């Protein structure tokens, strides 16, 4: 059963995308809308500065399906969202605790 869980985790990780170069005006809903044309968006999260509440200029989108995530990455990497060219790549899992 453990091998099945590991395979599920690998699949889940490949569905998560890193989005860089976001406009200060992009919010979770706008990010979700941009990616939903490629499939079901499970979660869209613009990362906010905890002190100011403003966008830090990047976020993450988790798609329901790895094929949809791959299609969205190919189509939207370099595309314009809210007036800014965005970078889309597969998200890397953070190792350990980094600076907070």
PDB file of N, CA and C in Angstrom:
ATOM      1  N   UNK A   1       0.821  -1.191   0.000  1.00  0.00           N
ATOM      2  CA  UNK A   1       0.000   0.000   0.000  1.00  0.00           C
ATOM      3  C   UNK A   1       0.871   1.263   0.000  1.00  0.00           C
ATOM      4  N   UNK A   2       2.023   1.211   0.625  1.00  0.00           N
ATOM      5  CA  UNK A   2       2.896   2.385   0.680  1.00  0.00           C
ATOM      6  C   UNK A   2       3.307   2.859  -0.708  1.00  0.00           C
ATOM      7  N   UNK A   3       3.628   1.955  -1.613  1.00  0.00           N
ATOM      8  CA  UNK A   3       4.027   2.335  -2.966  1.00  0.00           C
ATOM      9  C   UNK A   3       2.912   3.124  -3.647  1.00  0.00           C
ATOM     10  N   UNK A   4       1.672   2.742  -3.403  1.00  0.00           N
ATOM     11  CA  UNK A   4       0.533   3.465  -3.970  1.00  0.00           C
ATOM     12  C   UNK A   4       0.503   4.897  -3.441  1.00  0.00           C
ATOM     13  N   UNK A   5       0.721   5.087  -2.147  1.00  0.00           N
ATOM     14  CA  UNK A   5       0.726   6.430  -1.560  1.00  0.00           C
ATOM     15  C   UNK A   5       1.855   7.278  -2.124  1.00  0.00           C
ATOM     16  N   UNK A   6       3.034   6.694  -2.300  1.00  0.00           N
ATOM     17  CA  UNK A   6       4.155   7.425  -2.885  1.00  0.00           C
ATOM     18  C   UNK A   6       3.830   7.860  -4.310  1.00  0.00           C
ATOM     19  N   UNK A   7       3.202   6.971  -5.083  1.00  0.00           N
ATOM     20  CA  UNK A   7       2.832   7.309  -6.457  1.00  0.00           C
ATOM     21  C   UNK A   7       1.809   8.439  -6.470  1.00  0.00           C
ATOM     22  N   UNK A   8       0.867   8.411  -5.540  1.00  0.00           N
ATOM     23  CA  UNK A   8      -0.122   9.490  -5.444  1.00  0.00           C
ATOM     24  C   UNK A   8       0.555  10.814  -5.132  1.00  0.00           C
ATOM     25  N   UNK A   9       1.544  10.791  -4.250  1.00  0.00           N
ATOM     26  CA  UNK A   9       2.250  12.023  -3.879  1.00  0.00           C
ATOM     27  C   UNK A   9       3.032  12.583  -5.060  1.00  0.00           C
ATOM     28  N   UNK A  10       3.676  11.713  -5.831  1.00  0.00           N
ATOM     29  CA  UNK A  10       4.414  12.166  -7.008  1.00  0.00           C
ATOM     30  C   UNK A  10       3.451  12.804  -8.004  1.00  0.00           C
ATOM     31  N   UNK A  11       2.310  12.163  -8.224  1.00  0.00           N
ATOM     32  CA  UNK A  11       1.320  12.717  -9.149  1.00  0.00           C
ATOM     33  C   UNK A  11       0.823  14.073  -8.657  1.00  0.00           C
ATOM     34  N   UNK A  12       0.547  14.180  -7.378  1.00  0.00           N
ATOM     35  CA  UNK A  12       0.059  15.428  -6.790  1.00  0.00           C
ATOM     36  C   UNK A  12       1.084  16.543  -6.982  1.00  0.00           C
ATOM     37  N   UNK A  13       2.350  16.257  -6.775  1.00  0.00           N
ATOM     38  CA  UNK A  13       3.383  17.277  -6.917  1.00  0.00           C
ATOM     39  C   UNK A  13       3.465  17.770  -8.357  1.00  0.00           C
ATOM     40  N   UNK A  14       3.267  16.900  -9.323  1.00  0.00           N
ATOM     41  CA  UNK A  14       3.389  17.314 -10.715  1.00  0.00           C
ATOM     42  C   UNK A  14       2.212  18.182 -11.157  1.00  0.00           C
ATOM     43  N   UNK A  15       1.172  18.280 -10.344  1.00  0.00           N
ATOM     44  CA  UNK A  15       0.010  19.109 -10.659  1.00  0.00           C
ATOM     45  C   UNK A  15       0.171  20.535 -10.142  1.00  0.00           C
ATOM     46  N   UNK A  16       1.202  20.780  -9.341  1.00  0.00           N
ATOM     47  CA  UNK A  16       1.383  22.088  -8.716  1.00  0.00           C
ATOM     48  C   UNK A  16       2.369  22.920  -9.522  1.00  0.00           C
ATOM     49  N   UNK A  17       1.945  24.130  -9.866  1.00  0.00           N
ATOM     50  CA  UNK A  17       2.743  25.027 -10.686  1.00  0.00           C
ATOM     51  C   UNK A  17       3.155  26.262  -9.905  1.00  0.00           C
ATOM     52  N   UNK A  18       4.363  26.741 -10.161  1.00  0.00           N
ATOM     53  CA  UNK A  18       4.857  27.998  -9.621  1.00  0.00           C
ATOM     54  C   UNK A  18       4.604  29.073 -10.673  1.00  0.00           C
ATOM     55  N   UNK A  19       4.036  30.205 -10.249  1.00  0.00           N
ATOM     56  CA  UNK A  19       3.773  31.312 -11.160  1.00  0.00           C
ATOM     57  C   UNK A  19       4.549  32.525 -10.660  1.00  0.00           C
ATOM     58  N   UNK A  20       5.482  33.006 -11.458  1.00  0.00           N
ATOM     59  CA  UNK A  20       6.288  34.173 -11.084  1.00  0.00           C
ATOM     60  C   UNK A  20       5.961  35.365 -11.962  1.00  0.00           C
ATOM     61  N   UNK A  21       6.363  36.538 -11.513  1.00  0.00           N
ATOM     62  CA  UNK A  21       6.159  37.766 -12.283  1.00  0.00           C
ATOM     63  C   UNK A  21       4.748  38.299 -12.235  1.00  0.00           C
ATOM     64  N   UNK A  22       3.992  37.939 -11.193  1.00  0.00           N
ATOM     65  CA  UNK A  22       2.602  38.386 -11.099  1.00  0.00           C
ATOM     66  C   UNK A  22       2.505  39.891 -10.847  1.00  0.00           C
ATOM     67  N   UNK A  23       1.477  40.481 -11.413  1.00  0.00           N
ATOM     68  CA  UNK A  23       1.144  41.876 -11.152  1.00  0.00           C
ATOM     69  C   UNK A  23       0.706  42.019  -9.694  1.00  0.00           C
ATOM     70  N   UNK A  24       0.934  43.196  -9.123  1.00  0.00           N
ATOM     71  CA  UNK A  24       0.457  43.454  -7.760  1.00  0.00           C
ATOM     72  C   UNK A  24      -1.065  43.346  -7.695  1.00  0.00           C
ATOM     73  N   UNK A  25      -1.741  43.502  -8.855  1.00  0.00           N
ATOM     74  CA  UNK A  25      -3.204  43.492  -8.899  1.00  0.00           C
ATOM     75  C   UNK A  25      -3.801  42.098  -9.054  1.00  0.00           C
ATOM     76  N   UNK A  26      -2.985  41.093  -9.322  1.00  0.00           N
ATOM     77  CA  UNK A  26      -3.513  39.737  -9.500  1.00  0.00           C
ATOM     78  C   UNK A  26      -3.880  39.153  -8.140  1.00  0.00           C
ATOM     79  N   UNK A  27      -5.099  38.611  -8.064  1.00  0.00           N
ATOM     80  CA  UNK A  27      -5.544  37.959  -6.823  1.00  0.00           C
ATOM     81  C   UNK A  27      -5.798  36.473  -7.092  1.00  0.00           C
ATOM     82  N   UNK A  28      -6.200  35.744  -6.053  1.00  0.00           N
ATOM     83  CA  UNK A  28      -6.416  34.297  -6.189  1.00  0.00           C
ATOM     84  C   UNK A  28      -7.441  33.979  -7.272  1.00  0.00           C
ATOM     85  N   UNK A  29      -8.526  34.752  -7.315  1.00  0.00           N
ATOM     86  CA  UNK A  29      -9.591  34.499  -8.287  1.00  0.00           C
ATOM     87  C   UNK A  29      -9.102  34.716  -9.720  1.00  0.00           C
ATOM     88  N   UNK A  30      -8.372  35.789  -9.942  1.00  0.00           N
ATOM     89  CA  UNK A  30      -7.843  36.055 -11.281  1.00  0.00           C
ATOM     90  C   UNK A  30      -6.852  34.999 -11.722  1.00  0.00           C
ATOM     91  N   UNK A  31      -6.032  34.537 -10.790  1.00  0.00           N
ATOM     92  CA  UNK A  31      -5.069  33.481 -11.094  1.00  0.00           C
ATOM     93  C   UNK A  31      -5.802  32.190 -11.448  1.00  0.00           C
ATOM     94  N   UNK A  32      -6.808  31.851 -10.669  1.00  0.00           N
ATOM     95  CA  UNK A  32      -7.614  30.658 -10.939  1.00  0.00           C
ATOM     96  C   UNK A  32      -8.304  30.752 -12.298  1.00  0.00           C
ATOM     97  N   UNK A  33      -8.882  31.905 -12.591  1.00  0.00           N
ATOM     98  CA  UNK A  33      -9.571  32.088 -13.880  1.00  0.00           C
ATOM     99  C   UNK A  33      -8.632  31.876 -15.061  1.00  0.00           C
ATOM    100  N   UNK A  34      -7.403  32.391 -14.952  1.00  0.00           N
ATOM    101  CA  UNK A  34      -6.443  32.271 -16.046  1.00  0.00           C
ATOM    102  C   UNK A  34      -6.098  30.808 -16.331  1.00  0.00           C
ATOM    103  N   UNK A  35      -6.023  29.991 -15.293  1.00  0.00           N
ATOM    104  CA  UNK A  35      -5.611  28.602 -15.454  1.00  0.00           C
ATOM    105  C   UNK A  35      -6.782  27.654 -15.688  1.00  0.00           C
ATOM    106  N   UNK A  36      -8.002  28.067 -15.334  1.00  0.00           N
ATOM    107  CA  UNK A  36      -9.156  27.177 -15.430  1.00  0.00           C
ATOM    108  C   UNK A  36      -9.524  26.831 -16.870  1.00  0.00           C
ATOM    109  N   UNK A  37      -9.045  27.599 -17.825  1.00  0.00           N
ATOM    110  CA  UNK A  37      -9.326  27.269 -19.233  1.00  0.00           C
ATOM    111  C   UNK A  37      -8.632  25.974 -19.660  1.00  0.00           C
ATOM    112  N   UNK A  38      -7.686  25.486 -18.847  1.00  0.00           N
ATOM    113  CA  UNK A  38      -6.945  24.270 -19.183  1.00  0.00           C
ATOM    114  C   UNK A  38      -7.407  23.055 -18.391  1.00  0.00           C
ATOM    115  N   UNK A  39      -8.271  23.265 -17.405  1.00  0.00           N
ATOM    116  CA  UNK A  39      -8.774  22.170 -16.584  1.00  0.00           C
ATOM    117  C   UNK A  39      -9.189  22.687 -15.222  1.00  0.00           C
ATOM    118  N   UNK A  40      -9.598  21.764 -14.367  1.00  0.00           N
ATOM    119  CA  UNK A  40     -10.075  22.134 -13.036  1.00  0.00           C
ATOM    120  C   UNK A  40      -8.914  22.609 -12.162  1.00  0.00           C
ATOM    121  N   UNK A  41      -9.077  23.792 -11.581  1.00  0.00           N
ATOM    122  CA  UNK A  41      -8.099  24.334 -10.643  1.00  0.00           C
ATOM    123  C   UNK A  41      -8.527  23.928  -9.235  1.00  0.00           C
ATOM    124  N   UNK A  42      -7.668  23.190  -8.554  1.00  0.00           N
ATOM    125  CA  UNK A  42      -7.951  22.757  -7.191  1.00  0.00           C
ATOM    126  C   UNK A  42      -7.693  23.907  -6.216  1.00  0.00           C
ATOM    127  N   UNK A  43      -6.593  24.641  -6.463  1.00  0.00           N
ATOM    128  CA  UNK A  43      -6.227  25.756  -5.589  1.00  0.00           C
ATOM    129  C   UNK A  43      -5.387  26.758  -6.368  1.00  0.00           C
ATOM    130  N   UNK A  44      -5.656  28.032  -6.154  1.00  0.00           N
ATOM    131  CA  UNK A  44      -4.840  29.111  -6.706  1.00  0.00           C
ATOM    132  C   UNK A  44      -4.527  30.048  -5.558  1.00  0.00           C
ATOM    133  N   UNK A  45      -3.243  30.313  -5.349  1.00  0.00           N
ATOM    134  CA  UNK A  45      -2.835  31.072  -4.172  1.00  0.00           C
ATOM    135  C   UNK A  45      -1.738  32.077  -4.530  1.00  0.00           C
ATOM    136  N   UNK A  46      -2.091  33.355  -4.472  1.00  0.00           N
ATOM    137  CA  UNK A  46      -1.100  34.421  -4.622  1.00  0.00           C
ATOM    138  C   UNK A  46      -0.469  34.611  -3.254  1.00  0.00           C
ATOM    139  N   UNK A  47       0.854  34.571  -3.195  1.00  0.00           N
ATOM    140  CA  UNK A  47       1.558  34.696  -1.919  1.00  0.00           C
ATOM    141  C   UNK A  47       1.628  36.175  -1.524  1.00  0.00           C
ATOM    142  N   UNK A  48       1.187  36.451  -0.297  1.00  0.00           N
ATOM    143  CA  UNK A  48       1.139  37.821   0.205  1.00  0.00           C
ATOM    144  C   UNK A  48       2.236  38.052   1.238  1.00  0.00           C
ATOM    145  N   UNK A  49       2.734  39.277   1.278  1.00  0.00           N
ATOM    146  CA  UNK A  49       3.682  39.684   2.304  1.00  0.00           C
ATOM    147  C   UNK A  49       2.917  39.776   3.621  1.00  0.00           C
ATOM    148  N   UNK A  50       3.392  39.111   4.645  1.00  0.00           N
ATOM    149  CA  UNK A  50       2.619  39.084   5.888  1.00  0.00           C
ATOM    150  C   UNK A  50       2.612  40.417   6.616  1.00  0.00           C
ATOM    151  N   UNK A  51       3.586  41.276   6.342  1.00  0.00           N
ATOM    152  CA  UNK A  51       3.621  42.588   6.993  1.00  0.00           C
ATOM    153  C   UNK A  51       2.736  43.615   6.293  1.00  0.00           C
ATOM    154  N   UNK A  52       2.752  43.620   4.965  1.00  0.00           N
ATOM    155  CA  UNK A  52       2.017  44.646   4.217  1.00  0.00           C
ATOM    156  C   UNK A  52       0.702  44.136   3.628  1.00  0.00           C
ATOM    157  N   UNK A  53       0.553  42.821   3.482  1.00  0.00           N
ATOM    158  CA  UNK A  53      -0.641  42.266   2.868  1.00  0.00           C
ATOM    159  C   UNK A  53      -0.648  42.365   1.353  1.00  0.00           C
ATOM    160  N   UNK A  54       0.427  42.916   0.766  1.00  0.00           N
ATOM    161  CA  UNK A  54       0.537  43.035  -0.691  1.00  0.00           C
ATOM    162  C   UNK A  54       1.105  41.753  -1.281  1.00  0.00           C
ATOM    163  N   UNK A  55       0.796  41.552  -2.550  1.00  0.00           N
ATOM    164  CA  UNK A  55       1.331  40.403  -3.273  1.00  0.00           C
ATOM    165  C   UNK A  55       2.854  40.459  -3.268  1.00  0.00           C
ATOM    166  N   UNK A  56       3.476  39.285  -3.183  1.00  0.00           N
ATOM    167  CA  UNK A  56       4.934  39.208  -3.286  1.00  0.00           C
ATOM    168  C   UNK A  56       5.358  38.971  -4.729  1.00  0.00           C
ATOM    169  N   UNK A  57       4.377  38.931  -5.652  1.00  0.00           N
ATOM    170  CA  UNK A  57       4.694  38.803  -7.074  1.00  0.00           C
ATOM    171  C   UNK A  57       4.798  37.379  -7.576  1.00  0.00           C
ATOM    172  N   UNK A  58       4.402  36.433  -6.750  1.00  0.00           N
ATOM    173  CA  UNK A  58       4.390  35.042  -7.200  1.00  0.00           C
ATOM    174  C   UNK A  58       3.271  34.284  -6.509  1.00  0.00           C
ATOM    175  N   UNK A  59       2.991  33.110  -7.026  1.00  0.00           N
ATOM    176  CA  UNK A  59       1.938  32.287  -6.441  1.00  0.00           C
ATOM    177  C   UNK A  59       2.035  30.863  -6.944  1.00  0.00           C
ATOM    178  N   UNK A  60       1.042  30.079  -6.568  1.00  0.00           N
ATOM    179  CA  UNK A  60       0.995  28.668  -6.932  1.00  0.00           C
ATOM    180  C   UNK A  60      -0.403  28.310  -7.403  1.00  0.00           C
ATOM    181  N   UNK A  61      -0.471  27.428  -8.388  1.00  0.00           N
ATOM    182  CA  UNK A  61      -1.736  26.888  -8.866  1.00  0.00           C
ATOM    183  C   UNK A  61      -1.619  25.374  -8.847  1.00  0.00           C
ATOM    184  N   UNK A  62      -2.606  24.721  -8.252  1.00  0.00           N
ATOM    185  CA  UNK A  62      -2.667  23.264  -8.272  1.00  0.00           C
ATOM    186  C   UNK A  62      -3.836  22.863  -9.159  1.00  0.00           C
ATOM    187  N   UNK A  63      -3.510  22.089 -10.168  1.00  0.00           N
ATOM    188  CA  UNK A  63      -4.522  21.603 -11.106  1.00  0.00           C
ATOM    189  C   UNK A  63      -4.969  20.204 -10.685  1.00  0.00           C
ATOM    190  N   UNK A  64      -6.166  19.814 -11.098  1.00  0.00           N
ATOM    191  CA  UNK A  64      -6.718  18.507 -10.768  1.00  0.00           C
ATOM    192  C   UNK A  64      -5.998  17.379 -11.513  1.00  0.00           C
ATOM    193  N   UNK A  65      -5.410  17.703 -12.643  1.00  0.00           N
ATOM    194  CA  UNK A  65      -4.869  16.690 -13.543  1.00  0.00           C
ATOM    195  C   UNK A  65      -3.485  17.114 -14.034  1.00  0.00           C
ATOM    196  N   UNK A  66      -2.545  16.186 -14.076  1.00  0.00           N
ATOM    197  CA  UNK A  66      -1.182  16.536 -14.494  1.00  0.00           C
ATOM    198  C   UNK A  66      -1.114  16.951 -15.962  1.00  0.00           C
ATOM    199  N   UNK A  67      -1.972  16.382 -16.812  1.00  0.00           N
ATOM    200  CA  UNK A  67      -1.993  16.792 -18.218  1.00  0.00           C
ATOM    201  C   UNK A  67      -2.458  18.243 -18.344  1.00  0.00           C
ATOM    202  N   UNK A  68      -3.473  18.616 -17.563  1.00  0.00           N
ATOM    203  CA  UNK A  68      -3.966  19.999 -17.570  1.00  0.00           C
ATOM    204  C   UNK A  68      -2.876  20.947 -17.076  1.00  0.00           C
ATOM    205  N   UNK A  69      -2.148  20.534 -16.048  1.00  0.00           N
ATOM    206  CA  UNK A  69      -1.058  21.360 -15.517  1.00  0.00           C
ATOM    207  C   UNK A  69       0.023  21.558 -16.577  1.00  0.00           C
ATOM    208  N   UNK A  70       0.372  20.496 -17.272  1.00  0.00           N
ATOM    209  CA  UNK A  70       1.393  20.579 -18.321  1.00  0.00           C
ATOM    210  C   UNK A  70       0.925  21.487 -19.458  1.00  0.00           C
ATOM    211  N   UNK A  71      -0.336  21.340 -19.879  1.00  0.00           N
ATOM    212  CA  UNK A  71      -0.890  22.187 -20.942  1.00  0.00           C
ATOM    213  C   UNK A  71      -0.899  23.654 -20.539  1.00  0.00           C
ATOM    214  N   UNK A  72      -1.314  23.925 -19.308  1.00  0.00           N
ATOM    215  CA  UNK A  72      -1.353  25.308 -18.813  1.00  0.00           C
ATOM    216  C   UNK A  72       0.050  25.893 -18.757  1.00  0.00           C
ATOM    217  N   UNK A  73       1.014  25.105 -18.310  1.00  0.00           N
ATOM    218  CA  UNK A  73       2.391  25.577 -18.211  1.00  0.00           C
ATOM    219  C   UNK A  73       2.925  25.939 -19.601  1.00  0.00           C
ATOM    220  N   UNK A  74       2.687  25.078 -20.570  1.00  0.00           N
ATOM    221  CA  UNK A  74       3.168  25.345 -21.933  1.00  0.00           C
ATOM    222  C   UNK A  74       2.510  26.587 -22.525  1.00  0.00           C
ATOM    223  N   UNK A  75       1.219  26.737 -22.308  1.00  0.00           N
ATOM    224  CA  UNK A  75       0.477  27.838 -22.927  1.00  0.00           C
ATOM    225  C   UNK A  75       0.695  29.178 -22.224  1.00  0.00           C
ATOM    226  N   UNK A  76       0.845  29.159 -20.910  1.00  0.00           N
ATOM    227  CA  UNK A  76       0.859  30.416 -20.160  1.00  0.00           C
ATOM    228  C   UNK A  76       2.255  30.915 -19.783  1.00  0.00           C
ATOM    229  N   UNK A  77       3.280  30.078 -19.905  1.00  0.00           N
ATOM    230  CA  UNK A  77       4.633  30.555 -19.603  1.00  0.00           C
ATOM    231  C   UNK A  77       4.996  31.645 -20.619  1.00  0.00           C
ATOM    232  N   UNK A  78       5.207  32.855 -20.150  1.00  0.00           N
ATOM    233  CA  UNK A  78       5.512  33.987 -21.019  1.00  0.00           C
ATOM    234  C   UNK A  78       4.283  34.786 -21.439  1.00  0.00           C
ATOM    235  N   UNK A  79       3.102  34.293 -21.104  1.00  0.00           N
ATOM    236  CA  UNK A  79       1.863  34.999 -21.450  1.00  0.00           C
ATOM    237  C   UNK A  79       1.683  36.219 -20.537  1.00  0.00           C
ATOM    238  N   UNK A  80       0.800  37.112 -20.947  1.00  0.00           N
ATOM    239  CA  UNK A  80       0.519  38.311 -20.173  1.00  0.00           C
ATOM    240  C   UNK A  80      -0.719  38.102 -19.318  1.00  0.00           C
ATOM    241  N   UNK A  81      -0.591  38.402 -18.033  1.00  0.00           N
ATOM    242  CA  UNK A  81      -1.709  38.350 -17.091  1.00  0.00           C
ATOM    243  C   UNK A  81      -1.709  39.661 -16.313  1.00  0.00           C
ATOM    244  N   UNK A  82      -2.803  40.387 -16.366  1.00  0.00           N
ATOM    245  CA  UNK A  82      -2.917  41.690 -15.694  1.00  0.00           C
ATOM    246  C   UNK A  82      -1.760  42.621 -16.054  1.00  0.00           C
ATOM    247  N   UNK A  83      -1.368  42.590 -17.334  1.00  0.00           N
ATOM    248  CA  UNK A  83      -0.346  43.505 -17.829  1.00  0.00           C
ATOM    249  C   UNK A  83       1.091  43.093 -17.596  1.00  0.00           C
ATOM    250  N   UNK A  84       1.316  41.924 -17.032  1.00  0.00           N
ATOM    251  CA  UNK A  84       2.684  41.448 -16.771  1.00  0.00           C
ATOM    252  C   UNK A  84       2.914  40.100 -17.430  1.00  0.00           C
ATOM    253  N   UNK A  85       4.111  39.893 -17.957  1.00  0.00           N
ATOM    254  CA  UNK A  85       4.491  38.584 -18.507  1.00  0.00           C
ATOM    255  C   UNK A  85       4.795  37.670 -17.329  1.00  0.00           C
ATOM    256  N   UNK A  86       4.111  36.544 -17.274  1.00  0.00           N
ATOM    257  CA  UNK A  86       4.299  35.619 -16.153  1.00  0.00           C
ATOM    258  C   UNK A  86       5.201  34.456 -16.551  1.00  0.00           C
ATOM    259  N   UNK A  87       5.835  33.870 -15.556  1.00  0.00           N
ATOM    260  CA  UNK A  87       6.655  32.670 -15.726  1.00  0.00           C
ATOM    261  C   UNK A  87       5.926  31.523 -15.039  1.00  0.00           C
ATOM    262  N   UNK A  88       5.776  30.424 -15.737  1.00  0.00           N
ATOM    263  CA  UNK A  88       5.081  29.262 -15.185  1.00  0.00           C
ATOM    264  C   UNK A  88       6.010  28.063 -15.274  1.00  0.00           C
ATOM    265  N   UNK A  89       6.203  27.395 -14.146  1.00  0.00           N
ATOM    266  CA  UNK A  89       7.033  26.190 -14.117  1.00  0.00           C
ATOM    267  C   UNK A  89       6.473  25.226 -13.081  1.00  0.00           C
ATOM    268  N   UNK A  90       6.941  24.004 -13.130  1.00  0.00           N
ATOM    269  CA  UNK A  90       6.513  23.038 -12.129  1.00  0.00           C
ATOM    270  C   UNK A  90       7.070  23.461 -10.782  1.00  0.00           C
ATOM    271  N   UNK A  91       6.224  23.427  -9.770  1.00  0.00           N
ATOM    272  CA  UNK A  91       6.653  23.846  -8.430  1.00  0.00           C
ATOM    273  C   UNK A  91       7.585  22.800  -7.837  1.00  0.00           C
ATOM    274  N   UNK A  92       8.592  23.280  -7.126  1.00  0.00           N
ATOM    275  CA  UNK A  92       9.500  22.400  -6.385  1.00  0.00           C
ATOM    276  C   UNK A  92       9.084  22.411  -4.931  1.00  0.00           C
ATOM    277  N   UNK A  93       9.109  21.250  -4.315  1.00  0.00           N
ATOM    278  CA  UNK A  93       8.806  21.190  -2.890  1.00  0.00           C
ATOM    279  C   UNK A  93       9.932  21.841  -2.108  1.00  0.00           C
ATOM    280  N   UNK A  94       9.569  22.654  -1.140  1.00  0.00           N
ATOM    281  CA  UNK A  94      10.579  23.292  -0.289  1.00  0.00           C
ATOM    282  C   UNK A  94      11.130  22.262   0.679  1.00  0.00           C
ATOM    283  N   UNK A  95      12.429  22.249   0.812  1.00  0.00           N
ATOM    284  CA  UNK A  95      13.050  21.331   1.751  1.00  0.00           C
ATOM    285  C   UNK A  95      13.301  22.016   3.078  1.00  0.00           C
ATOM    286  N   UNK A  96      12.718  21.477   4.147  1.00  0.00           N
ATOM    287  CA  UNK A  96      12.949  22.036   5.483  1.00  0.00           C
ATOM    288  C   UNK A  96      12.388  23.427   5.646  1.00  0.00           C
ATOM    289  N   UNK A  97      12.717  24.044   6.766  1.00  0.00           N
ATOM    290  CA  UNK A  97      12.269  25.406   7.025  1.00  0.00           C
ATOM    291  C   UNK A  97      13.261  26.386   6.455  1.00  0.00           C
ATOM    292  N   UNK A  98      12.780  27.274   5.628  1.00  0.00           N
ATOM    293  CA  UNK A  98      13.622  28.337   5.089  1.00  0.00           C
ATOM    294  C   UNK A  98      13.323  29.597   5.865  1.00  0.00           C
ATOM    295  N   UNK A  99      14.023  30.658   5.516  1.00  0.00           N
ATOM    296  CA  UNK A  99      13.831  31.946   6.173  1.00  0.00           C
ATOM    297  C   UNK A  99      12.364  32.336   6.138  1.00  0.00           C
ATOM    298  N   UNK A 100      11.876  32.866   7.224  1.00  0.00           N
ATOM    299  CA  UNK A 100      10.474  33.284   7.290  1.00  0.00           C
ATOM    300  C   UNK A 100      10.379  34.757   7.473  1.00  0.00           C
TER     301      UNK A 100
END
